[in-house]
Amino acid sequence: MSQQLPPEIQNLVLKARQLEEQLRIVMTRRQQIKLELLEIESVKEELDKLPDEVVIHKQVGNILIKKDKKSVSEEINDRKETLQLQDLALEKQEANLRKQFESTSRELESALRRYQTGETGEGLVS
C-alpha cells in the first residue's frame, strides 16, 4: 500500500502533530512553573522562621548581596504572583490546544474513514 495520502489527510496529520508538539511545550512549561512555585513555598517557610531584623544574602549572578528580610519576602511574593499568572494563562492555552487537537483528530479519523471506504469528493481513490 504505497499510495500517497490525499493532501487533505496529509494536512490534518501535520496539523495534529503541530498541535501535539505545542501541547507538549505548554505542559512542560507548566511543570517547570509548578516546580518553581514549590521551591518558592519552601523558601517562604524558611524566611518565616527567621527574625525580621535578620540580614539575608541573595545571590545575584556570581555575587552575594545583603538584603533585609522584608524586601526579599516582597521579591519572592512578586515572583510567586507572576508565576501563578503565567500558569493560569498556560492552563487556558493548554485547554484550548487540547480542544483543537481533539477536533483535528476527529476530523482526521473521519477523513481516513472516507478515504478507506472510497468516498470521494476529490478523487481520493486511485
Protein backbone atom coordinates (compact mmCIF):
# COMPACT_ATOMS: atom_id res chain seq x y z
CA MET A 1 0.00 0.00 0.00
CA SER A 2 2.41 2.62 -1.25
CA GLN A 3 -0.31 5.07 -2.27
CA GLN A 4 0.20 8.63 -1.22
CA LEU A 5 -2.41 10.05 1.10
CA PRO A 6 -4.54 12.89 -0.24
CA PRO A 7 -3.44 16.45 0.62
CA GLU A 8 -6.43 16.90 2.97
CA ILE A 9 -5.28 13.98 5.12
CA GLN A 10 -1.61 15.00 4.95
CA ASN A 11 -2.53 18.50 6.14
CA LEU A 12 -4.61 17.11 9.01
CA VAL A 13 -1.74 14.83 10.08
CA LEU A 14 0.65 17.79 10.01
CA LYS A 15 -1.77 19.96 11.97
CA ALA A 16 -2.27 17.24 14.59
CA ARG A 17 1.49 16.82 15.00
CA GLN A 18 1.99 20.57 15.39
CA LEU A 19 -0.78 20.80 17.98
CA GLU A 20 0.66 17.84 19.85
CA GLU A 21 4.09 19.50 19.95
CA GLN A 22 2.64 22.82 21.12
CA LEU A 23 0.71 20.98 23.81
CA ARG A 24 3.86 19.20 24.96
CA ILE A 25 5.72 22.52 25.19
CA VAL A 26 2.93 24.15 27.23
CA MET A 27 2.70 21.15 29.57
CA THR A 28 6.48 21.17 30.10
CA ARG A 29 6.46 24.88 30.92
CA ARG A 30 3.61 24.38 33.38
CA GLN A 31 5.61 21.63 35.12
CA GLN A 32 8.59 23.98 35.39
CA ILE A 33 6.38 26.70 36.89
CA LYS A 34 4.89 24.29 39.41
CA LEU A 35 8.36 23.19 40.50
CA GLU A 36 9.45 26.80 40.92
CA LEU A 37 6.30 27.54 42.93
CA LEU A 38 7.11 24.62 45.24
CA GLU A 39 10.62 25.99 45.70
CA ILE A 40 9.22 29.44 46.48
CA GLU A 41 6.91 27.97 49.12
CA SER A 42 9.87 26.24 50.71
CA VAL A 43 11.88 29.47 50.75
CA LYS A 44 8.91 31.38 52.22
CA GLU A 45 8.60 28.83 55.02
CA GLU A 46 12.28 29.22 55.86
CA LEU A 47 12.05 33.01 55.73
CA ASP A 48 9.08 32.98 58.09
CA LYS A 49 11.20 31.17 60.68
CA LEU A 50 13.78 33.97 60.68
CA PRO A 51 13.55 37.10 62.84
CA ASP A 52 12.55 40.30 60.99
CA GLU A 53 15.87 42.06 61.62
CA VAL A 54 17.99 39.33 60.05
CA VAL A 55 20.19 40.18 57.08
CA ILE A 56 19.84 37.84 54.14
CA HIS A 57 22.38 37.24 51.41
CA LYS A 58 20.82 36.96 47.99
CA GLN A 59 22.77 35.58 45.06
CA VAL A 60 22.78 37.82 42.01
CA GLY A 61 24.90 36.31 39.28
CA ASN A 62 28.22 35.39 40.84
CA ILE A 63 27.97 37.69 43.86
CA LEU A 64 26.00 37.79 47.10
CA ILE A 65 24.12 40.94 48.06
CA LYS A 66 22.88 41.81 51.54
CA LYS A 67 19.14 42.34 51.71
CA ASP A 68 16.65 42.78 54.51
CA LYS A 69 14.02 40.11 55.12
CA LYS A 70 11.12 42.36 54.12
CA SER A 71 12.49 43.16 50.64
CA VAL A 72 13.37 39.52 49.99
CA SER A 73 9.88 38.46 51.05
CA GLU A 74 8.36 41.04 48.71
CA GLU A 75 10.50 39.83 45.81
CA ILE A 76 9.50 36.25 46.49
CA ASN A 77 5.81 37.14 46.71
CA ASP A 78 6.05 39.11 43.44
CA ARG A 79 7.73 36.18 41.73
CA LYS A 80 5.08 33.81 43.07
CA GLU A 81 2.28 36.03 41.79
CA THR A 82 3.93 36.30 38.37
CA LEU A 83 4.33 32.54 38.13
CA GLN A 84 0.74 31.94 39.18
CA LEU A 85 -0.49 34.31 36.46
CA GLN A 86 1.71 32.59 33.89
CA ASP A 87 0.40 29.20 34.97
CA LEU A 88 -3.18 30.39 34.68
CA ALA A 89 -2.55 31.67 31.14
CA LEU A 90 -0.81 28.41 30.20
CA GLU A 91 -3.67 26.39 31.70
CA LYS A 92 -6.10 28.17 29.39
CA GLN A 93 -3.75 27.71 26.44
CA GLU A 94 -3.41 24.01 27.27
CA ALA A 95 -7.19 23.56 27.39
CA ASN A 96 -7.55 25.33 24.04
CA LEU A 97 -4.81 23.23 22.44
CA ARG A 98 -6.40 20.04 23.77
CA LYS A 99 -9.75 21.01 22.21
CA GLN A 100 -8.08 21.81 18.89
CA PHE A 101 -6.13 18.56 18.98
CA GLU A 102 -9.25 16.51 19.74
CA SER A 103 -11.18 18.26 16.99
CA THR A 104 -8.38 17.75 14.48
CA SER A 105 -8.06 14.09 15.49
CA ARG A 106 -11.78 13.51 14.93
CA GLU A 107 -11.57 15.29 11.58
CA LEU A 108 -8.56 13.16 10.62
CA GLU A 109 -10.31 9.92 11.62
CA SER A 110 -13.33 10.91 9.56
CA ALA A 111 -11.19 11.76 6.52
CA LEU A 112 -9.32 8.46 6.83
CA ARG A 113 -12.58 6.51 7.01
CA ARG A 114 -13.84 8.27 3.89
CA TYR A 115 -10.54 7.58 2.15
CA GLN A 116 -10.53 3.89 3.13
CA THR A 117 -14.14 3.31 2.12
CA GLY A 118 -13.66 5.05 -1.19
CA GLU A 119 -15.95 8.01 -0.56
CA THR A 120 -14.57 10.79 -2.62
CA GLY A 121 -15.12 14.41 -3.08
CA GLU A 122 -11.88 14.98 -4.91
CA GLY A 123 -10.88 11.58 -6.25
CA LEU A 124 -9.46 10.13 -3.05
CA VAL A 125 -9.34 6.62 -4.54
CA SER A 126 -6.97 5.64 -7.35
